[in-house]
Amino acid sequence: MPKRKLDAAFCQTATCQYGKKKTDYWDTETTGFVFEVRASGGKTYYLRYIDPNQRQRQVKIGRFEDITFAQARKAAQRLRSEVVLDGNPAERKEKKKATPTYAELAKQHLDHARTYQKRPENTEAVLRTHLIPKWGKYRLDEITQQEISKWLAEKRQEFAPATVEKLRMMLGRSFELGRQWNISGAEINPVRAVPRFKFDNARERYLSAEEAGRLLKACKGSSNPQLWAIVSLLLYTGARKSELLHARWEHVDLERRSWLIPDSKTGKARRVPLSGPAAKVLEGLVRIPGCPWLVPNPLTRKPYSGLKQAWATAIKTAGLPGLRIHDLRHSAASFMINSGVDLFAVGKILGHGDHQSTMRYSHLANDTLMAAVEAGAAKLGEAA
């Protein structure tokens, strides 16, 4: 084990001792700094040390042809300082190497989502479209709070606040899963330190009876032969679009005027009572032999994946710009409440998982109550 003060000139001319596969030259100035010369002619700088478990470890600094001697010595001194301060640079390097990229974690995230989510394609779309393109090549320990905050701020210039919040939550979920699975680099979730951007997502649009009439008239003339029935049933039942598009005839009982939704958003089955007009719409639907769906695409005989183009044309024709299909659910609640139906019953019909979801319509109930007291006061005024 030759020892000497290493310098650039020596490393340039050093050779492997005769009859050996390699020769290690140990520096007398920086403890553990080693210059390895192999019989093949290869030369490499290392730092060797004894770790806390009394095992000899080594960290490769670099090949002779890749770095200068001055760079190698400086790196050796830095690594030696880490050892003196009870560090373990070899273990740190091994851990770094074992730390997966976000793309690898995202794959495990999606695999996990597919085991319990009803529509894992939503998770897959967010990961594929937004998170993996930005963070996929980063190792988990390279993703910082500062970089996440900066990225989300940029996204807010391009997307709606609710969309940006979804990105924040999805990235945080990935790290939380990584922590639960003891994945290297996910011990600390950097998203937790990124504050949630405050915004009001409770966008509420309610159709008047006259507007609903215009919309239904526009749907009658749609190129989509099912659009009128779909919109009518959404307004009559307050169901979610996905619930109706995946509804089956086997779950509809026209005699009892009841529609069973076996797998709703809340994870619980519920029965939706069918009004006379709703039942009439259902009775008028064309049943395709061998097709189980209530309102399928007649060409594919499968549920519609979307109604974007037909819907856009209908709301333009009806003069209702910006109206969303989900607003039909709000409108159904509005029509019920303004007809005197109490909030509890409305929440039951809509399938809300908690009372808070229904409370967003409480101001409508207050309007109904106000109209009642005003009518009473007017009557009293006539008698006075």
Protein backbone atom coordinates (compact mmCIF):
# COMPACT_ATOMS: atom_id res chain seq x y z
CA MET A 1 0.00 0.00 0.00
CA PRO A 2 2.29 2.80 -1.26
CA LYS A 3 1.91 6.14 0.51
CA ARG A 4 3.09 9.51 -0.73
CA LYS A 5 1.94 13.04 -1.20
CA LEU A 6 -0.12 12.95 -4.36
CA ASP A 7 0.19 15.71 -6.94
CA ALA A 8 -0.70 16.24 -10.58
CA ALA A 9 2.74 15.35 -11.92
CA PHE A 10 2.87 12.04 -10.06
CA CYS A 11 -0.64 11.03 -11.12
CA GLN A 12 0.28 11.78 -14.71
CA THR A 13 3.18 9.29 -14.73
CA ALA A 14 2.08 6.75 -12.09
CA THR A 15 1.94 3.12 -13.20
CA CYS A 16 0.67 -0.14 -11.76
CA GLN A 17 3.28 -2.15 -9.90
CA TYR A 18 4.66 -5.09 -11.83
CA GLY A 19 2.68 -8.33 -11.45
CA LYS A 20 -0.38 -6.68 -9.89
CA LYS A 21 -3.81 -5.98 -11.36
CA LYS A 22 -3.93 -2.60 -9.63
CA THR A 23 -1.94 -0.40 -7.30
CA ASP A 24 -3.45 2.02 -4.75
CA TYR A 25 -1.45 5.14 -3.94
CA TRP A 26 -2.60 6.71 -0.65
CA ASP A 27 -2.17 10.41 -0.13
CA THR A 28 -0.27 11.45 3.00
CA GLU A 29 -1.93 14.87 3.12
CA THR A 30 -5.67 14.11 2.87
CA THR A 31 -6.63 11.03 4.89
CA GLY A 32 -8.31 8.40 2.73
CA PHE A 33 -7.57 10.07 -0.59
CA VAL A 34 -6.55 7.24 -2.94
CA PHE A 35 -5.31 7.17 -6.52
CA GLU A 36 -5.92 3.76 -8.10
CA VAL A 37 -3.83 2.73 -11.10
CA ARG A 38 -4.82 -0.46 -12.94
CA ALA A 39 -2.67 -2.74 -15.10
CA SER A 40 -5.02 -1.96 -17.99
CA GLY A 41 -3.91 1.67 -17.79
CA GLY A 42 -7.07 3.06 -16.17
CA LYS A 43 -6.69 5.52 -13.30
CA THR A 44 -9.35 6.65 -10.77
CA TYR A 45 -9.55 8.91 -7.68
CA TYR A 46 -11.37 7.63 -4.56
CA LEU A 47 -11.94 8.51 -0.96
CA ARG A 48 -11.86 5.58 1.45
CA TYR A 49 -12.90 5.69 5.08
CA ILE A 50 -14.29 3.64 7.99
CA ASP A 51 -18.04 4.09 8.44
CA PRO A 52 -19.90 4.14 11.82
CA ASN A 53 -20.32 0.35 11.57
CA GLN A 54 -16.52 -0.09 11.31
CA ARG A 55 -16.69 -1.13 7.66
CA GLN A 56 -14.36 0.29 5.06
CA ARG A 57 -16.28 2.25 2.45
CA GLN A 58 -15.21 4.12 -0.64
CA VAL A 59 -16.65 6.87 -2.79
CA LYS A 60 -15.58 7.22 -6.40
CA ILE A 61 -14.49 10.78 -7.07
CA GLY A 62 -13.77 10.50 -10.77
CA ARG A 63 -11.59 9.06 -13.50
CA PHE A 64 -8.16 10.63 -14.13
CA GLU A 65 -9.11 11.66 -17.67
CA ASP A 66 -12.39 13.26 -16.59
CA ILE A 67 -11.27 15.65 -13.84
CA THR A 68 -8.15 17.57 -12.88
CA PHE A 69 -6.03 16.63 -9.89
CA ALA A 70 -7.00 19.89 -8.17
CA GLN A 71 -10.69 19.04 -8.57
CA ALA A 72 -10.10 15.54 -7.24
CA ARG A 73 -8.25 16.77 -4.14
CA LYS A 74 -10.91 19.40 -3.43
CA ALA A 75 -13.65 16.72 -3.66
CA ALA A 76 -11.63 14.40 -1.40
CA GLN A 77 -11.28 17.13 1.23
CA ARG A 78 -15.01 17.86 1.10
CA LEU A 79 -15.90 14.17 1.48
CA ARG A 80 -13.37 13.76 4.29
CA SER A 81 -14.95 16.68 6.13
CA GLU A 82 -18.30 14.92 5.86
CA VAL A 83 -16.81 11.76 7.36
CA VAL A 84 -15.23 13.68 10.25
CA LEU A 85 -18.66 15.20 11.00
CA ASP A 86 -20.13 11.67 11.34
CA GLY A 87 -21.36 11.59 7.76
CA ASN A 88 -21.39 8.58 5.49
CA PRO A 89 -20.92 9.79 1.90
CA ALA A 90 -20.95 6.28 0.41
CA GLU A 91 -24.28 5.52 2.02
CA ARG A 92 -25.63 8.88 0.89
CA LYS A 93 -24.51 8.15 -2.66
CA GLU A 94 -26.11 4.69 -2.55
CA LYS A 95 -29.33 6.20 -1.28
CA LYS A 96 -29.22 8.79 -4.05
CA LYS A 97 -28.79 6.03 -6.61
CA ALA A 98 -31.70 4.10 -5.08
CA THR A 99 -34.00 7.12 -5.17
CA PRO A 100 -36.44 6.71 -8.08
CA THR A 101 -37.54 9.38 -10.49
CA TYR A 102 -40.99 10.89 -10.22
CA ALA A 103 -41.97 9.01 -13.40
CA GLU A 104 -41.30 5.73 -11.58
CA LEU A 105 -43.34 6.83 -8.57
CA ALA A 106 -46.14 8.06 -10.83
CA LYS A 107 -46.41 4.60 -12.38
CA GLN A 108 -46.85 3.06 -8.93
CA HIS A 109 -49.34 5.81 -8.06
CA LEU A 110 -51.45 4.96 -11.12
CA ASP A 111 -51.20 1.19 -10.50
CA HIS A 112 -52.49 1.83 -6.98
CA ALA A 113 -55.31 4.09 -8.24
CA ARG A 114 -56.51 1.33 -10.54
CA THR A 115 -57.11 -0.94 -7.55
CA TYR A 116 -59.83 1.25 -6.03
CA GLN A 117 -60.83 4.20 -8.22
CA LYS A 118 -63.93 3.90 -10.38
CA ARG A 119 -62.35 6.07 -13.08
CA PRO A 120 -58.56 5.84 -12.78
CA GLU A 121 -58.32 7.33 -16.26
CA ASN A 122 -58.81 10.75 -14.60
CA THR A 123 -55.71 10.19 -12.47
CA GLU A 124 -53.85 8.84 -15.49
CA ALA A 125 -54.71 11.95 -17.53
CA VAL A 126 -53.39 14.37 -14.88
CA LEU A 127 -50.18 12.37 -14.42
CA ARG A 128 -49.57 11.97 -18.16
CA THR A 129 -50.53 15.48 -19.23
CA HIS A 130 -49.11 17.64 -16.45
CA LEU A 131 -47.04 15.98 -13.74
CA ILE A 132 -44.81 13.54 -15.62
CA PRO A 133 -43.82 16.03 -18.39
CA LYS A 134 -42.63 18.47 -15.69
CA TRP A 135 -41.27 16.22 -12.92
CA GLY A 136 -40.81 12.82 -14.55
CA LYS A 137 -37.02 13.02 -14.96
CA TYR A 138 -36.39 14.44 -11.48
CA ARG A 139 -35.36 12.13 -8.65
CA LEU A 140 -37.75 12.51 -5.74
CA ASP A 141 -35.22 14.25 -3.50
CA GLU A 142 -34.60 16.85 -6.22
CA ILE A 143 -38.19 18.12 -6.19
CA THR A 144 -38.37 21.08 -3.81
CA GLN A 145 -41.09 23.23 -2.32
CA GLN A 146 -39.69 26.30 -4.06
CA GLU A 147 -39.76 24.69 -7.51
CA ILE A 148 -43.29 23.36 -6.96
CA SER A 149 -44.55 26.79 -5.86
CA LYS A 150 -42.97 28.43 -8.90
CA TRP A 151 -44.48 25.84 -11.26
CA LEU A 152 -47.98 26.18 -9.79
CA ALA A 153 -47.76 29.97 -10.05
CA GLU A 154 -46.99 29.58 -13.76
CA LYS A 155 -49.89 27.15 -14.17
CA ARG A 156 -52.29 29.71 -12.66
CA GLN A 157 -51.57 31.94 -15.64
CA GLU A 158 -52.82 29.21 -17.95
CA PHE A 159 -55.46 27.19 -16.08
CA ALA A 160 -58.42 27.72 -13.76
CA PRO A 161 -57.64 27.77 -10.00
CA ALA A 162 -59.51 24.49 -9.47
CA THR A 163 -57.35 22.77 -12.10
CA VAL A 164 -54.14 24.05 -10.50
CA GLU A 165 -55.33 22.87 -7.10
CA LYS A 166 -55.95 19.42 -8.59
CA LEU A 167 -52.32 19.35 -9.79
CA ARG A 168 -51.07 20.31 -6.33
CA MET A 169 -53.15 17.65 -4.63
CA MET A 170 -52.19 14.93 -7.14
CA LEU A 171 -48.47 15.61 -6.73
CA GLY A 172 -48.89 15.62 -2.96
CA ARG A 173 -50.75 12.32 -3.15
CA SER A 174 -47.85 10.76 -5.07
CA PHE A 175 -45.38 11.74 -2.35
CA GLU A 176 -47.72 10.61 0.42
CA LEU A 177 -48.00 7.17 -1.20
CA GLY A 178 -44.22 7.08 -1.59
CA ARG A 179 -43.82 7.82 2.11
CA GLN A 180 -46.27 5.06 3.04
CA TRP A 181 -44.35 2.63 0.83
CA ASN A 182 -40.97 3.67 2.34
CA ILE A 183 -39.64 4.79 -1.04
CA SER A 184 -36.29 6.55 -0.87
CA GLY A 185 -36.60 10.29 -1.42
CA ALA A 186 -40.26 10.45 -0.35
CA GLU A 187 -39.61 10.63 3.40
CA ILE A 188 -40.51 14.33 3.29
CA ASN A 189 -43.44 15.49 1.17
CA PRO A 190 -42.39 18.85 -0.35
CA VAL A 191 -45.98 19.60 -1.40
CA ARG A 192 -47.08 19.88 2.23
CA ALA A 193 -45.14 23.11 2.56
CA VAL A 194 -46.82 24.58 -0.53
CA PRO A 195 -49.88 26.52 0.65
CA ARG A 196 -53.23 25.89 -0.99
CA PHE A 197 -54.18 28.76 -3.26
CA LYS A 198 -57.42 30.21 -1.93
CA PHE A 199 -60.20 30.56 -4.45
CA ASP A 200 -63.97 30.36 -4.61
CA ASN A 201 -64.87 27.27 -6.62
CA ALA A 202 -68.56 27.38 -5.77
CA ARG A 203 -69.65 28.54 -9.19
CA GLU A 204 -73.42 28.38 -9.31
CA ARG A 205 -75.58 28.91 -12.37
CA TYR A 206 -79.32 28.34 -12.19
CA LEU A 207 -81.59 28.27 -15.19
CA SER A 208 -84.92 29.97 -15.10
CA ALA A 209 -87.91 28.05 -16.42
CA GLU A 210 -87.82 30.21 -19.57
CA GLU A 211 -84.08 29.49 -20.11
CA ALA A 212 -84.62 25.77 -19.56
CA GLY A 213 -87.34 25.87 -22.21
CA ARG A 214 -85.00 27.56 -24.69
CA LEU A 215 -82.29 25.01 -23.98
CA LEU A 216 -84.61 22.04 -24.47
CA LYS A 217 -85.90 23.53 -27.72
CA ALA A 218 -82.29 23.89 -28.96
CA CYS A 219 -81.56 20.29 -27.97
CA LYS A 220 -84.54 19.11 -30.01
CA GLY A 221 -82.78 20.35 -33.13
CA SER A 222 -79.40 18.87 -32.21
CA SER A 223 -77.49 16.52 -34.51
CA ASN A 224 -77.13 14.30 -31.45
CA PRO A 225 -80.39 12.29 -31.34
CA GLN A 226 -80.09 11.65 -27.59
CA LEU A 227 -79.24 15.17 -26.41
CA TRP A 228 -82.82 16.28 -25.74
CA ALA A 229 -83.56 13.19 -23.64
CA ILE A 230 -80.26 13.49 -21.74
CA VAL A 231 -80.76 17.18 -20.89
CA SER A 232 -84.43 16.62 -19.99
CA LEU A 233 -83.59 13.77 -17.60
CA LEU A 234 -80.76 15.73 -15.98
CA LEU A 235 -83.13 18.62 -15.32
CA TYR A 236 -85.91 16.35 -14.03
CA THR A 237 -83.72 14.19 -11.78
CA GLY A 238 -80.73 16.31 -10.76
CA ALA A 239 -78.49 13.32 -11.54
CA ARG A 240 -74.83 13.66 -12.47
CA LYS A 241 -74.00 13.39 -16.17
CA SER A 242 -71.86 10.29 -15.65
CA GLU A 243 -74.66 8.61 -13.69
CA LEU A 244 -77.11 9.09 -16.55
CA LEU A 245 -74.75 8.21 -19.38
CA HIS A 246 -73.96 4.89 -17.66
CA ALA A 247 -77.53 4.17 -16.58
CA ARG A 248 -78.95 0.75 -17.53
CA TRP A 249 -82.50 -0.28 -18.32
CA GLU A 250 -82.33 -3.03 -15.70
CA HIS A 251 -82.13 -0.33 -13.00
CA VAL A 252 -85.20 1.60 -14.15
CA ASP A 253 -88.63 0.65 -12.81
CA LEU A 254 -91.20 2.70 -14.72
CA GLU A 255 -94.11 1.09 -12.91
CA ARG A 256 -92.82 2.26 -9.53
CA ARG A 257 -91.25 5.35 -11.14
CA SER A 258 -87.85 4.65 -9.63
CA TRP A 259 -84.27 4.68 -10.94
CA LEU A 260 -81.56 2.81 -9.05
CA ILE A 261 -78.04 4.24 -9.26
CA PRO A 262 -75.96 1.35 -7.89
CA ASP A 263 -72.59 3.08 -7.86
CA SER A 264 -72.73 6.82 -7.29
CA LYS A 265 -69.89 9.28 -6.67
CA THR A 266 -70.23 8.82 -2.90
CA GLY A 267 -69.81 5.06 -3.27
CA LYS A 268 -73.35 4.38 -2.06
CA ALA A 269 -76.31 3.17 -4.08
CA ARG A 270 -79.37 5.41 -4.17
CA ARG A 271 -82.82 5.48 -5.73
CA VAL A 272 -83.98 8.51 -7.65
CA PRO A 273 -87.74 9.05 -7.82
CA LEU A 274 -88.96 9.71 -11.35
CA SER A 275 -91.50 12.46 -11.89
CA GLY A 276 -94.27 12.09 -14.41
CA PRO A 277 -92.41 14.12 -17.08
CA ALA A 278 -89.20 12.14 -16.42
CA ALA A 279 -91.06 8.85 -16.81
CA LYS A 280 -92.62 10.13 -20.05
CA VAL A 281 -89.16 10.90 -21.46
CA LEU A 282 -88.00 7.40 -20.55
CA GLU A 283 -91.07 5.82 -22.13
CA GLY A 284 -90.30 7.65 -25.35
CA LEU A 285 -86.71 6.38 -25.61
CA VAL A 286 -85.91 3.90 -28.37
CA ARG A 287 -84.66 0.66 -26.85
CA ILE A 288 -81.93 -0.96 -28.95
CA PRO A 289 -82.14 -4.80 -28.83
CA GLY A 290 -79.24 -6.26 -26.84
CA CYS A 291 -78.07 -2.83 -25.64
CA PRO A 292 -78.30 -2.33 -21.84
CA TRP A 293 -77.75 1.44 -21.80
CA LEU A 294 -80.52 3.99 -21.32
CA VAL A 295 -79.21 6.72 -23.65
CA PRO A 296 -76.36 5.15 -25.67
CA ASN A 297 -74.67 6.49 -28.74
CA PRO A 298 -76.82 4.86 -31.48
CA LEU A 299 -73.76 4.31 -33.68
CA THR A 300 -71.50 2.58 -31.12
CA ARG A 301 -74.27 1.29 -28.82
CA LYS A 302 -72.03 2.33 -25.91
CA PRO A 303 -72.27 5.25 -23.47
CA TYR A 304 -71.19 8.63 -24.81
CA SER A 305 -67.67 9.57 -23.68
CA GLY A 306 -68.62 13.22 -23.96
CA LEU A 307 -71.19 15.65 -25.39
CA LYS A 308 -68.88 18.60 -25.96
CA GLN A 309 -69.69 19.53 -29.55
CA ALA A 310 -73.44 18.92 -29.37
CA TRP A 311 -73.65 20.78 -26.05
CA ALA A 312 -71.67 23.78 -27.35
CA THR A 313 -74.02 24.08 -30.33
CA ALA A 314 -77.12 23.80 -28.13
CA ILE A 315 -76.14 26.49 -25.62
CA LYS A 316 -75.11 28.80 -28.46
CA THR A 317 -78.47 28.30 -30.16
CA ALA A 318 -80.29 28.85 -26.85
CA GLY A 319 -78.30 31.99 -26.08
CA LEU A 320 -76.82 30.57 -22.89
CA PRO A 321 -73.03 31.09 -23.23
CA GLY A 322 -70.86 29.49 -20.56
CA LEU A 323 -73.56 27.12 -19.31
CA ARG A 324 -72.09 23.80 -18.16
CA ILE A 325 -73.85 20.45 -18.19
CA HIS A 326 -73.24 20.26 -14.44
CA ASP A 327 -75.29 23.47 -14.07
CA LEU A 328 -78.36 21.38 -14.96
CA ARG A 329 -77.90 19.61 -11.61
CA HIS A 330 -77.84 22.98 -9.83
CA SER A 331 -80.91 24.05 -11.78
CA ALA A 332 -82.80 20.89 -10.84
CA ALA A 333 -82.09 21.65 -7.17
CA SER A 334 -83.20 25.24 -7.70
CA PHE A 335 -86.54 24.21 -9.25
CA MET A 336 -87.23 21.79 -6.37
CA ILE A 337 -86.34 24.24 -3.61
CA ASN A 338 -88.28 27.09 -5.17
CA SER A 339 -91.28 24.78 -5.29
CA GLY A 340 -91.10 24.39 -1.51
CA VAL A 341 -89.10 21.14 -1.21
CA ASP A 342 -86.90 21.20 1.92
CA LEU A 343 -83.11 20.98 1.77
CA PHE A 344 -82.97 17.53 3.36
CA ALA A 345 -85.16 16.03 0.66
CA VAL A 346 -83.21 17.76 -2.11
CA GLY A 347 -79.94 16.43 -0.70
CA LYS A 348 -81.44 12.94 -0.59
CA ILE A 349 -82.55 13.11 -4.22
CA LEU A 350 -79.21 14.50 -5.41
CA GLY A 351 -77.29 11.85 -3.46
CA HIS A 352 -75.16 14.24 -1.42
CA GLY A 353 -72.74 12.48 0.91
CA ASP A 354 -73.02 15.16 3.60
CA HIS A 355 -75.24 18.02 4.66
CA GLN A 356 -72.61 20.62 3.72
CA SER A 357 -72.99 19.80 0.03
CA THR A 358 -76.68 20.61 0.17
CA MET A 359 -76.17 23.80 2.20
CA ARG A 360 -74.81 25.57 -0.89
CA TYR A 361 -78.48 25.82 -1.96
CA SER A 362 -79.64 27.26 1.38
CA HIS A 363 -79.91 30.79 -0.01
CA LEU A 364 -82.50 29.49 -2.50
CA ALA A 365 -84.55 28.15 0.38
CA ASN A 366 -84.27 31.55 2.06
CA ASP A 367 -85.60 33.20 -1.10
CA THR A 368 -88.59 30.85 -1.00
CA LEU A 369 -89.22 31.62 2.66
CA MET A 370 -88.89 35.34 2.00
CA ALA A 371 -91.46 35.11 -0.78
CA ALA A 372 -93.78 33.32 1.64
CA VAL A 373 -93.54 35.97 4.36
CA GLU A 374 -93.91 38.75 1.79
CA ALA A 375 -97.08 37.11 0.48
CA GLY A 376 -98.39 36.81 4.03
CA ALA A 377 -97.57 40.43 4.80
CA ALA A 378 -99.28 41.56 1.59
CA LYS A 379 -102.43 39.62 2.57
CA LEU A 380 -102.34 41.19 6.00
CA GLY A 381 -101.93 44.60 4.43
CA GLU A 382 -105.13 44.10 2.39
CA ALA A 383 -107.07 43.38 5.57
CA ALA A 384 -105.65 46.32 7.49
